[in-house]
Amino acid sequence: MNPIELSIFASRLEAVCDEMGAVLRNAAFSPNIRDRLDFSCAVFDVDGGLCAQAAHIPVHLGSMAFAMADLITRMDWREGDMVILNDPFLGGTHLPDVTVIAPVFVGTGDDRVELCGFVVNRAHHADIGASSPGSMPVSRSVLEEGLVIEPLHLIRGGVLDLGRLDRIAVGTRNPADARGDFFSQISANRAGVRRLGELIADLGTDNYRAGLAALNDYGERLARAAIAEIPDGTYSYEDWMDDDGQGNRDIPIRVTVTVSDGAACLDFSGTAPQVEGNINCPLAVAAAAVLYVFRCLMPPQTPACAGTFRSVTLSAPTGCLLNARYPAAVAAGNVETSTRVVDVVMGALAYALPQRIPAASHGSMNNLAMGSTRVGASWDYYETIGGGMGAGAAGGGLSGVQTHMTNTLNTPIEVMEARYPLRVIRYALRRGSGGEGARRGGDGLVRELEFLAPAQVSLLTERRTRGPWGVCGGASGMPGRNLLNGVGLPGKTAFKVAAGDCLRIETPGGGGWGEV
């Protein structure tokens, strides 16, 4: 392919992912998927290599790219199949993220069909059957976090296993919403299978494979050129998780980044062993954070494909926080620990590229999960809350935004108040929370809710003891705070509230860049 043909080819692949995302959003029932856009879509080749993705959730997409090659070898694939899973130790991230995979078969012209690739979507379900509403409990084992779905056929040869779907849905607090969201994921994959099949049939299978090979080689060239701009050497950094919700505090994550000849190798030796609480994660989640950081250093036109990441490798000791063994609790690993991995990798690279690496952003997805405690008044809700972005040499950090491993929206106040017994008292910037510097860090947010009915609440938050660090002499951003009726709460906690209680979440500001 010449450069123009290759660009069109890449755009057509990305358009498949975009259309899948549009179908998934428009067909979804829950605000978490429909309004917050907590989902991702991607295309993979026949060997499980990433071909394209939409601009959705980095922690979803990177972990899928890392795990798919192994995952697809576990299943026998037929035309019309769809496989469902959420097991973090078999290709998932944490239990609320449910993945649906569909193979794409294309006719060869002699009455045979050939497996040519896969389309995949992953969506966060606000409830997946945990004992606490929102399925983000302060847990000690993955078995406490909800229904574990090992890879299994939801559709086999075009026939939906409705009994299996119902058994999954009835394990949630809102089976109708859950069933609707699963059907939206099925519909998204059907759209992807149709569009990708049309693309492959239009090009022919040989030309399609040649296009993928060219795209991967192009991605590798751009990636190696970007990494070659990092001075060769070894760079290390250490940062800490506040706690695990079970009494363990100041839990270290360490990385050593070795850059040589346009390639980077990351070693997380020295990271804490897996802990009792739920900030552990499978290696795929750590890989997602690593790939995200290096993708940020590459040119905008760099394709999201397997070749782009050939020059980045990583390792973490088995049984450590970033490569946990079953049945470690992992609910917060996907959302909180992944964000700290970004911080430590960027912290290491800041020694090599002080003019390009920004200060630490708010460093927490500030997870809030809640729902009913009364029989007959069932509701559950989950959201992540933005904060301050770290400043960089080119400018100050943005205020009140989602950063790094999440890319969701907030739930509109009108939707929240219409669907749930909640009143939003305040939703504003937390003025002055960004770190001082020649470039100031972005400010965090204040989110204050009044409960109109009794509820059970879980908080999984970070950067409540140490603020996000600054670089090049910039000051740290302010740590976050959680308060119930004005009284401080731990960063990770579960509790019950009565009608009239007020929960206030103040998210961290971003670090500053440069001396004042």
Protein backbone atom coordinates (compact mmCIF):
# COMPACT_ATOMS: atom_id res chain seq x y z
CA MET A 1 0.00 0.00 0.00
CA ASN A 2 1.14 3.52 -0.70
CA PRO A 3 0.84 6.05 2.18
CA ILE A 4 -2.59 7.30 1.09
CA GLU A 5 -3.99 3.78 0.77
CA LEU A 6 -2.53 2.87 4.17
CA SER A 7 -4.11 5.93 5.79
CA ILE A 8 -7.51 5.09 4.30
CA PHE A 9 -7.13 1.46 5.41
CA ALA A 10 -6.38 2.53 9.00
CA SER A 11 -9.32 4.94 9.00
CA ARG A 12 -11.69 2.25 7.77
CA LEU A 13 -10.61 -0.04 10.61
CA GLU A 14 -11.07 2.74 13.17
CA ALA A 15 -14.51 3.48 11.71
CA VAL A 16 -15.57 -0.09 12.52
CA CYS A 17 -14.71 0.57 16.18
CA ASP A 18 -16.46 3.94 16.15
CA GLU A 19 -19.66 2.42 14.75
CA MET A 20 -19.55 -0.34 17.36
CA GLY A 21 -19.28 2.32 20.06
CA ALA A 22 -22.21 4.29 18.66
CA VAL A 23 -24.42 1.18 18.63
CA LEU A 24 -23.37 0.22 22.15
CA ARG A 25 -24.08 3.67 23.54
CA ASN A 26 -27.41 4.14 21.80
CA ALA A 27 -28.73 0.71 22.79
CA ALA A 28 -27.51 0.69 26.42
CA PHE A 29 -29.92 0.98 29.33
CA SER A 30 -27.66 2.09 32.20
CA PRO A 31 -26.37 5.66 32.65
CA ASN A 32 -22.91 4.24 33.28
CA ILE A 33 -22.68 3.08 29.67
CA ARG A 34 -25.12 5.43 27.92
CA ASP A 35 -24.18 8.70 29.64
CA ARG A 36 -20.73 8.18 31.16
CA LEU A 37 -19.48 6.18 28.12
CA ASP A 38 -17.69 3.62 30.28
CA PHE A 39 -17.02 1.19 27.43
CA SER A 40 -14.46 0.42 24.71
CA CYS A 41 -14.42 -1.23 21.27
CA ALA A 42 -11.57 -2.71 19.24
CA VAL A 43 -10.65 -4.93 16.28
CA PHE A 44 -8.11 -7.75 16.52
CA ASP A 45 -6.46 -9.99 13.95
CA VAL A 46 -6.76 -13.75 13.77
CA ASP A 47 -3.82 -14.17 16.20
CA GLY A 48 -5.22 -11.73 18.76
CA GLY A 49 -3.05 -8.81 17.73
CA LEU A 50 -4.60 -5.35 18.04
CA CYS A 51 -5.57 -3.83 14.68
CA ALA A 52 -7.56 -0.73 15.66
CA GLN A 53 -9.45 0.84 18.52
CA ALA A 54 -11.75 3.77 19.09
CA ALA A 55 -10.72 6.61 21.40
CA HIS A 56 -12.45 5.04 24.38
CA ILE A 57 -11.01 3.90 27.77
CA PRO A 58 -7.19 3.38 27.88
CA VAL A 59 -7.28 0.83 30.72
CA HIS A 60 -9.85 -1.26 28.80
CA LEU A 61 -8.05 -1.13 25.48
CA GLY A 62 -4.50 -1.67 26.65
CA SER A 63 -5.43 -4.64 28.80
CA MET A 64 -7.40 -6.22 25.94
CA ALA A 65 -4.43 -5.76 23.62
CA PHE A 66 -2.15 -7.47 26.14
CA ALA A 67 -4.44 -10.42 26.90
CA MET A 68 -6.24 -11.27 23.65
CA ALA A 69 -3.56 -13.46 22.06
CA ASP A 70 -3.72 -15.90 24.96
CA LEU A 71 -7.48 -15.61 25.37
CA ILE A 72 -8.48 -16.62 21.86
CA THR A 73 -6.47 -19.85 22.04
CA ARG A 74 -8.71 -21.04 24.90
CA MET A 75 -11.84 -21.21 22.73
CA ASP A 76 -13.12 -23.12 19.71
CA TRP A 77 -14.50 -20.50 17.33
CA ARG A 78 -17.38 -20.92 14.90
CA GLU A 79 -19.17 -18.46 12.67
CA GLY A 80 -21.85 -16.63 14.65
CA ASP A 81 -20.20 -17.18 18.06
CA MET A 82 -19.85 -14.67 20.87
CA VAL A 83 -17.84 -15.29 24.02
CA ILE A 84 -18.40 -13.44 27.29
CA LEU A 85 -15.99 -13.06 30.21
CA ASN A 86 -14.93 -10.84 33.08
CA ASP A 87 -12.42 -13.03 34.96
CA PRO A 88 -9.44 -10.75 35.73
CA PHE A 89 -7.08 -13.72 35.74
CA LEU A 90 -8.22 -14.96 32.31
CA GLY A 91 -8.13 -11.78 30.25
CA GLY A 92 -10.37 -9.37 32.18
CA THR A 93 -9.57 -6.38 34.38
CA HIS A 94 -12.05 -6.28 37.27
CA LEU A 95 -15.45 -7.93 37.48
CA PRO A 96 -17.72 -5.01 36.47
CA ASP A 97 -15.88 -4.81 33.13
CA VAL A 98 -17.61 -7.45 31.01
CA THR A 99 -16.03 -8.32 27.66
CA VAL A 100 -17.85 -9.76 24.65
CA ILE A 101 -15.80 -11.19 21.76
CA ALA A 102 -17.06 -12.15 18.30
CA PRO A 103 -15.07 -13.86 15.54
CA VAL A 104 -15.27 -12.54 11.99
CA PHE A 105 -15.53 -15.20 9.28
CA VAL A 106 -15.39 -14.24 5.61
CA GLY A 107 -16.31 -16.36 2.60
CA THR A 108 -13.46 -17.47 0.35
CA GLY A 109 -15.54 -17.85 -2.82
CA ASP A 110 -15.57 -21.65 -2.83
CA ASP A 111 -18.39 -22.16 -0.32
CA ARG A 112 -15.95 -22.03 2.61
CA VAL A 113 -15.54 -19.40 5.29
CA GLU A 114 -12.25 -18.37 6.88
CA LEU A 115 -11.58 -16.86 10.31
CA CYS A 116 -10.10 -13.42 9.63
CA GLY A 117 -10.20 -11.63 12.97
CA PHE A 118 -12.26 -10.58 15.98
CA VAL A 119 -14.31 -7.62 17.18
CA VAL A 120 -14.44 -6.94 20.90
CA ASN A 121 -16.21 -4.61 23.27
CA ARG A 122 -15.82 -4.15 27.02
CA ALA A 123 -18.39 -2.30 29.13
CA HIS A 124 -18.50 -1.46 32.83
CA HIS A 125 -21.71 -2.74 34.44
CA ALA A 126 -22.80 -0.76 37.49
CA ASP A 127 -23.70 -4.00 39.23
CA ILE A 128 -22.24 -7.45 38.68
CA GLY A 129 -23.65 -9.15 41.78
CA ALA A 130 -21.35 -8.08 44.61
CA SER A 131 -22.79 -7.84 48.12
CA SER A 132 -22.52 -4.03 47.98
CA PRO A 133 -24.34 -1.86 45.42
CA GLY A 134 -22.22 -0.70 42.52
CA SER A 135 -20.03 -3.84 42.74
CA MET A 136 -16.94 -1.93 43.89
CA PRO A 137 -16.68 -3.26 47.47
CA VAL A 138 -13.84 -2.83 49.95
CA SER A 139 -12.99 -6.47 49.37
CA ARG A 140 -10.39 -9.05 50.38
CA SER A 141 -10.92 -11.55 47.53
CA VAL A 142 -12.11 -11.43 43.95
CA LEU A 143 -14.87 -13.84 45.01
CA GLU A 144 -16.37 -11.03 47.14
CA GLU A 145 -16.51 -8.67 44.17
CA GLY A 146 -19.37 -10.25 42.26
CA LEU A 147 -20.06 -12.89 39.66
CA VAL A 148 -16.88 -14.26 38.05
CA ILE A 149 -17.52 -15.16 34.39
CA GLU A 150 -14.84 -17.37 32.91
CA PRO A 151 -14.67 -17.31 29.10
CA LEU A 152 -17.78 -19.08 27.83
CA HIS A 153 -20.04 -18.99 24.79
CA LEU A 154 -22.98 -16.62 25.12
CA ILE A 155 -23.89 -17.25 21.47
CA ARG A 156 -22.90 -20.47 19.74
CA GLY A 157 -23.24 -20.73 15.97
CA GLY A 158 -25.67 -17.81 15.95
CA VAL A 159 -27.90 -19.24 18.71
CA LEU A 160 -28.17 -17.18 21.89
CA ASP A 161 -27.96 -19.13 25.14
CA LEU A 162 -30.79 -17.18 26.76
CA GLY A 163 -30.65 -19.28 29.91
CA ARG A 164 -27.00 -18.41 30.42
CA LEU A 165 -27.69 -14.72 29.80
CA ASP A 166 -30.57 -14.75 32.29
CA ARG A 167 -28.48 -16.52 34.94
CA ILE A 168 -25.93 -13.72 34.70
CA ALA A 169 -28.52 -10.95 34.67
CA VAL A 170 -30.57 -12.21 37.61
CA GLY A 171 -27.45 -12.10 39.78
CA THR A 172 -27.53 -8.29 39.59
CA ARG A 173 -29.78 -5.82 41.41
CA ASN A 174 -31.44 -4.66 38.21
CA PRO A 175 -31.81 -7.65 35.86
CA ALA A 176 -33.77 -5.64 33.26
CA ASP A 177 -31.02 -3.02 32.95
CA ALA A 178 -28.30 -5.68 32.97
CA ARG A 179 -30.06 -7.70 30.27
CA GLY A 180 -30.48 -4.56 28.16
CA ASP A 181 -26.80 -3.69 28.52
CA PHE A 182 -25.74 -7.21 27.51
CA PHE A 183 -27.95 -7.01 24.43
CA SER A 184 -26.35 -3.66 23.59
CA GLN A 185 -22.93 -5.33 23.71
CA ILE A 186 -24.19 -8.12 21.46
CA SER A 187 -25.62 -5.56 19.03
CA ALA A 188 -22.33 -3.64 18.96
CA ASN A 189 -20.43 -6.79 18.05
CA ARG A 190 -22.96 -7.69 15.35
CA ALA A 191 -22.38 -4.27 13.81
CA GLY A 192 -18.63 -4.80 14.02
CA VAL A 193 -18.79 -8.28 12.47
CA ARG A 194 -20.87 -6.92 9.59
CA ARG A 195 -18.67 -3.89 8.89
CA LEU A 196 -15.34 -5.66 9.25
CA GLY A 197 -16.61 -8.52 7.09
CA GLU A 198 -17.59 -6.01 4.40
CA LEU A 199 -14.15 -4.39 4.57
CA ILE A 200 -12.32 -7.70 4.25
CA ALA A 201 -14.59 -8.89 1.43
CA ASP A 202 -14.04 -5.61 -0.41
CA LEU A 203 -10.24 -5.85 -0.17
CA GLY A 204 -9.89 -9.62 -0.36
CA THR A 205 -8.33 -11.63 2.45
CA ASP A 206 -4.79 -11.48 1.03
CA ASN A 207 -4.90 -7.71 0.62
CA TYR A 208 -6.42 -7.33 4.09
CA ARG A 209 -3.57 -9.29 5.66
CA ALA A 210 -1.04 -7.30 3.65
CA GLY A 211 -2.68 -4.09 4.89
CA LEU A 212 -2.42 -5.24 8.51
CA ALA A 213 1.25 -6.15 8.04
CA ALA A 214 1.96 -2.73 6.53
CA LEU A 215 0.04 -0.99 9.32
CA ASN A 216 1.96 -2.85 12.02
CA ASP A 217 5.30 -2.07 10.39
CA TYR A 218 4.34 1.60 10.09
CA GLY A 219 3.30 1.70 13.75
CA GLU A 220 6.58 0.11 14.81
CA ARG A 221 8.61 2.63 12.80
CA LEU A 222 6.80 5.57 14.41
CA ALA A 223 7.10 4.04 17.88
CA ARG A 224 10.82 3.34 17.57
CA ALA A 225 11.44 6.84 16.27
CA ALA A 226 9.56 8.32 19.25
CA ILE A 227 11.38 6.17 21.79
CA ALA A 228 14.70 6.99 20.11
CA GLU A 229 14.12 10.61 21.19
CA ILE A 230 14.50 9.44 24.81
CA PRO A 231 18.21 9.45 25.71
CA ASP A 232 19.51 5.90 26.11
CA GLY A 233 19.88 5.02 29.75
CA THR A 234 18.24 3.59 32.84
CA TYR A 235 15.69 5.60 34.81
CA SER A 236 13.96 4.61 38.04
CA TYR A 237 11.10 5.97 40.11
CA GLU A 238 9.03 5.01 43.14
CA ASP A 239 5.59 6.10 44.25
CA TRP A 240 3.11 4.77 46.79
CA MET A 241 -0.49 3.71 47.05
CA ASP A 242 -2.11 5.33 50.09
CA ASP A 243 -3.55 2.09 51.47
CA ASP A 244 -5.44 -1.07 50.54
CA GLY A 245 -8.52 -0.51 52.70
CA GLN A 246 -7.44 -3.33 55.04
CA GLY A 247 -4.88 -1.53 57.19
CA ASN A 248 -1.81 -1.71 54.92
CA ARG A 249 -0.42 1.74 54.12
CA ASP A 250 2.26 3.36 51.94
CA ILE A 251 2.45 0.46 49.49
CA PRO A 252 5.33 1.00 47.02
CA ILE A 253 5.30 0.66 43.25
CA ARG A 254 8.79 0.79 41.71
CA VAL A 255 9.89 0.78 38.10
CA THR A 256 13.19 0.76 36.27
CA VAL A 257 12.96 1.88 32.64
CA THR A 258 15.81 0.92 30.33
CA VAL A 259 15.87 2.72 26.98
CA SER A 260 18.18 1.53 24.21
CA ASP A 261 18.14 1.73 20.40
CA GLY A 262 14.52 2.80 20.08
CA ALA A 263 13.14 0.22 22.52
CA ALA A 264 12.08 0.39 26.15
CA CYS A 265 12.10 -2.35 28.78
CA LEU A 266 10.29 -1.80 32.08
CA ASP A 267 10.99 -3.84 35.21
CA PHE A 268 8.69 -3.49 38.22
CA SER A 269 10.90 -5.48 40.60
CA GLY A 270 10.76 -3.96 44.07
CA THR A 271 7.02 -3.36 43.87
CA ALA A 272 5.15 -4.53 46.97
CA PRO A 273 3.79 -8.07 47.12
CA GLN A 274 0.06 -8.44 46.52
CA VAL A 275 -1.94 -7.19 49.47
CA GLU A 276 -5.04 -8.21 51.38
CA GLY A 277 -7.12 -5.34 50.00
CA ASN A 278 -8.43 -4.79 46.49
CA ILE A 279 -5.69 -2.64 44.90
CA ASN A 280 -4.02 -5.66 43.30
CA CYS A 281 -4.23 -6.06 39.53
CA PRO A 282 -3.42 -8.61 36.84
CA LEU A 283 -0.38 -7.90 34.69
CA ALA A 284 -2.64 -6.90 31.77
CA VAL A 285 -3.80 -3.82 33.70
CA ALA A 286 -0.22 -2.76 34.45
CA ALA A 287 0.60 -3.29 30.77
CA ALA A 288 -2.28 -1.04 29.76
CA ALA A 289 -0.82 1.80 31.83
CA VAL A 290 2.66 1.30 30.39
CA LEU A 291 1.44 1.22 26.79
CA TYR A 292 -0.66 4.34 27.40
CA VAL A 293 2.35 6.36 28.61
CA PHE A 294 4.48 5.46 25.60
CA ARG A 295 1.59 6.05 23.21
CA CYS A 296 1.41 9.61 24.61
CA LEU A 297 4.99 10.18 23.44
CA MET A 298 4.24 9.12 19.86
CA PRO A 299 2.92 11.29 17.00
CA PRO A 300 -0.86 11.73 16.79
CA GLN A 301 -1.09 9.68 13.59
CA THR A 302 0.47 6.59 15.21
CA PRO A 303 -1.97 3.70 14.67
CA ALA A 304 -3.28 1.75 17.66
CA CYS A 305 -2.05 -1.64 16.50
CA ALA A 306 0.13 -4.46 17.75
CA GLY A 307 3.17 -3.26 15.83
CA THR A 308 3.16 0.04 17.66
CA PHE A 309 3.94 -1.72 20.92
CA ARG A 310 6.54 -4.24 19.74
CA SER A 311 9.32 -2.05 21.07
CA VAL A 312 7.91 -1.82 24.62
CA THR A 313 8.23 -4.77 27.01
CA LEU A 314 7.56 -5.12 30.71
CA SER A 315 7.88 -7.57 33.57
CA ALA A 316 6.62 -7.73 37.15
CA PRO A 317 7.31 -10.48 39.68
CA THR A 318 4.52 -13.03 39.96
CA GLY A 319 2.60 -12.43 43.15
CA CYS A 320 3.37 -8.73 43.36
CA LEU A 321 0.81 -5.92 43.40
CA LEU A 322 0.96 -5.61 39.59
CA ASN A 323 0.92 -9.32 38.78
CA ALA A 324 -1.35 -10.75 41.44
CA ARG A 325 -2.26 -14.38 41.89
CA TYR A 326 -5.83 -15.68 42.06
CA PRO A 327 -7.94 -15.07 44.16
CA ALA A 328 -6.51 -11.64 44.97
CA ALA A 329 -9.03 -8.79 45.28
CA VAL A 330 -8.71 -6.51 42.24
CA ALA A 331 -11.71 -4.16 42.17
CA ALA A 332 -9.57 -1.04 42.72
CA GLY A 333 -6.50 -2.29 40.88
CA ASN A 334 -8.06 -1.52 37.51
CA VAL A 335 -9.05 2.01 38.50
CA GLU A 336 -6.59 3.18 41.16
CA THR A 337 -3.41 1.12 40.80
CA SER A 338 -3.35 1.52 37.01
CA THR A 339 -3.32 5.28 37.54
CA ARG A 340 -0.34 5.03 39.90
CA VAL A 341 1.54 2.92 37.35
CA VAL A 342 1.16 5.84 34.94
CA ASP A 343 2.62 8.12 37.62
CA VAL A 344 5.69 5.96 38.27
CA VAL A 345 6.46 5.44 34.58
CA MET A 346 6.08 9.16 33.88
CA GLY A 347 8.14 9.93 36.97
CA ALA A 348 10.99 7.79 35.65
CA LEU A 349 10.80 9.32 32.16
CA ALA A 350 10.76 12.85 33.65
CA TYR A 351 14.46 12.41 34.40
CA ALA A 352 15.10 11.86 30.71
CA LEU A 353 12.53 14.27 29.23
CA PRO A 354 11.90 17.05 31.78
CA GLN A 355 10.49 19.37 29.11
CA ARG A 356 7.98 16.80 27.83
CA ILE A 357 6.73 14.89 30.87
CA PRO A 358 4.05 16.69 32.89
CA ALA A 359 3.59 16.67 36.64
CA ALA A 360 1.37 14.03 38.19
CA SER A 361 -2.36 14.42 37.64
CA HIS A 362 -4.94 13.82 40.37
CA GLY A 363 -4.00 10.15 40.50
CA SER A 364 -7.37 8.65 41.40
CA MET A 365 -10.59 7.85 39.62
CA ASN A 366 -12.32 8.80 42.90
CA ASN A 367 -14.73 5.85 42.67
CA LEU A 368 -18.18 6.24 44.21
CA ALA A 369 -20.56 3.26 44.27
CA MET A 370 -23.92 3.23 46.05
CA GLY A 371 -27.39 1.82 46.05
CA SER A 372 -30.49 0.85 47.96
CA THR A 373 -30.67 -1.04 51.22
CA ARG A 374 -34.45 -1.52 51.12
CA VAL A 375 -36.21 -4.47 49.49
CA GLY A 376 -38.51 -3.34 46.68
CA ALA A 377 -36.64 -0.07 46.09
CA SER A 378 -33.68 -1.47 44.20
CA TRP A 379 -31.19 0.91 42.62
CA ASP A 380 -27.44 0.98 42.18
CA TYR A 381 -25.08 3.58 40.80
CA TYR A 382 -21.38 3.96 40.07
CA GLU A 383 -19.30 6.87 38.89
CA THR A 384 -15.76 8.14 38.70
CA ILE A 385 -15.02 11.77 39.48
CA GLY A 386 -12.43 13.92 37.75
CA GLY A 387 -9.72 16.09 39.29
CA GLY A 388 -6.79 18.31 38.41
CA MET A 389 -4.41 17.58 35.55
CA GLY A 390 -0.67 17.95 36.08
CA ALA A 391 1.02 20.97 34.53
CA GLY A 392 3.70 20.77 31.86
CA ALA A 393 6.27 22.97 30.21
CA ALA A 394 3.75 24.05 27.57
CA GLY A 395 1.02 25.16 29.97
CA GLY A 396 -0.88 24.70 33.19
CA GLY A 397 -2.98 21.65 33.92
CA LEU A 398 -6.66 21.52 33.08
CA SER A 399 -9.12 21.64 35.97
CA GLY A 400 -11.93 19.23 36.76
CA VAL A 401 -11.16 16.58 34.13
CA GLN A 402 -10.71 12.84 33.86
CA THR A 403 -7.07 11.98 33.15
CA HIS A 404 -4.89 9.14 31.93
CA MET A 405 -6.43 5.68 32.33
CA THR A 406 -10.05 6.80 32.34
CA ASN A 407 -11.80 8.66 29.57
CA THR A 408 -15.38 8.74 30.80
CA LEU A 409 -17.80 11.61 31.13
CA ASN A 410 -19.61 12.57 34.30
CA THR A 411 -23.24 11.61 34.73
CA PRO A 412 -25.37 14.71 34.04
CA ILE A 413 -26.98 16.04 37.20
CA GLU A 414 -30.40 15.88 35.52
CA VAL A 415 -29.97 12.16 34.79
CA MET A 416 -28.71 11.39 38.29
CA GLU A 417 -31.53 13.22 40.05
CA ALA A 418 -34.20 11.81 37.74
CA ARG A 419 -33.15 8.16 38.17
CA TYR A 420 -31.90 7.95 41.75
CA PRO A 421 -32.94 9.22 45.20
CA LEU A 422 -30.12 11.77 45.20
CA ARG A 423 -29.82 15.53 45.14
CA VAL A 424 -26.64 17.23 43.92
CA ILE A 425 -25.90 20.00 46.41
CA ARG A 426 -22.66 21.16 44.86
CA TYR A 427 -20.57 20.36 41.82
CA ALA A 428 -17.73 22.85 41.41
CA LEU A 429 -14.01 23.33 40.96
CA ARG A 430 -11.94 23.01 44.11
CA ARG A 431 -10.22 26.35 43.77
CA GLY A 432 -6.56 26.51 44.77
CA SER A 433 -6.03 22.75 44.91
CA GLY A 434 -3.59 22.68 41.96
CA GLY A 435 0.13 22.76 42.76
CA GLU A 436 2.05 26.03 42.48
CA GLY A 437 4.71 26.45 39.82
CA ALA A 438 5.77 28.36 36.76
CA ARG A 439 2.88 26.38 35.29
CA ARG A 440 0.16 25.69 37.83
CA GLY A 441 -1.52 22.31 38.22
CA GLY A 442 -5.22 22.02 37.47
CA ASP A 443 -7.77 22.24 40.26
CA GLY A 444 -9.75 19.26 41.50
CA LEU A 445 -13.52 19.00 41.91
CA VAL A 446 -16.03 19.18 44.74
CA ARG A 447 -18.98 16.80 44.41
CA GLU A 448 -21.54 16.96 47.21
CA LEU A 449 -24.61 14.72 47.29
CA GLU A 450 -27.63 14.60 49.60
CA PHE A 451 -29.29 11.21 50.00
CA LEU A 452 -33.08 11.25 49.77
CA ALA A 453 -33.40 7.63 50.93
CA PRO A 454 -31.24 5.20 52.94
CA ALA A 455 -28.37 3.76 50.96
CA GLN A 456 -25.18 1.75 51.16
CA VAL A 457 -22.05 3.50 49.87
CA SER A 458 -18.52 2.41 48.90
CA LEU A 459 -15.58 4.75 48.26
CA LEU A 460 -12.36 3.65 46.56
CA THR A 461 -10.11 6.70 46.34
CA GLU A 462 -6.41 7.54 46.33
CA ARG A 463 -4.10 10.54 46.79
CA ARG A 464 -5.73 11.24 50.16
CA THR A 465 -2.41 11.30 52.06
CA ARG A 466 0.16 12.43 49.45
CA GLY A 467 -0.70 15.03 46.84
CA PRO A 468 0.24 14.49 43.18
CA TRP A 469 3.89 15.42 42.73
CA GLY A 470 5.24 18.36 40.76
CA VAL A 471 8.24 18.35 38.42
CA CYS A 472 11.14 20.72 37.73
CA GLY A 473 10.57 22.49 41.05
CA GLY A 474 6.77 22.62 40.87
CA ALA A 475 4.76 22.00 44.04
CA SER A 476 2.49 19.03 44.68
CA GLY A 477 -1.26 19.34 44.26
CA MET A 478 -3.50 19.17 47.31
CA PRO A 479 -4.57 15.68 48.44
CA GLY A 480 -8.24 14.83 48.20
CA ARG A 481 -10.76 14.54 51.05
CA ASN A 482 -13.92 12.53 51.65
CA LEU A 483 -16.47 13.73 54.22
CA LEU A 484 -19.85 12.51 55.47
CA ASN A 485 -21.86 15.25 57.18
CA GLY A 486 -18.61 17.18 57.60
CA VAL A 487 -16.68 14.32 59.23
CA GLY A 488 -13.64 12.92 57.47
CA LEU A 489 -13.76 9.44 55.93
CA PRO A 490 -10.96 7.03 54.95
CA GLY A 491 -9.93 6.82 51.32
CA LYS A 492 -11.38 3.32 51.01
CA THR A 493 -14.45 2.62 53.04
CA ALA A 494 -18.01 1.29 53.01
CA PHE A 495 -20.86 2.64 55.11
CA LYS A 496 -24.62 3.16 55.30
CA VAL A 497 -26.37 6.52 55.08
CA ALA A 498 -29.82 7.76 56.05
CA ALA A 499 -32.10 10.16 54.21
CA GLY A 500 -30.73 13.67 54.65
CA ASP A 501 -27.07 12.66 54.97
CA CYS A 502 -24.57 14.57 52.80
CA LEU A 503 -21.47 13.07 51.20
CA ARG A 504 -18.77 15.46 50.02
CA ILE A 505 -15.88 14.35 47.83
CA GLU A 506 -13.01 16.77 47.21
CA THR A 507 -10.67 15.44 44.52
CA PRO A 508 -6.91 16.15 44.34
CA GLY A 509 -5.38 18.93 42.28
CA GLY A 510 -2.62 18.30 39.75
CA GLY A 511 1.06 18.91 40.40
CA GLY A 512 2.79 22.09 39.28
CA TRP A 513 5.62 22.41 36.75
CA GLY A 514 8.72 24.56 37.21
CA GLU A 515 9.82 26.89 39.95
CA VAL A 516 7.76 30.01 40.55
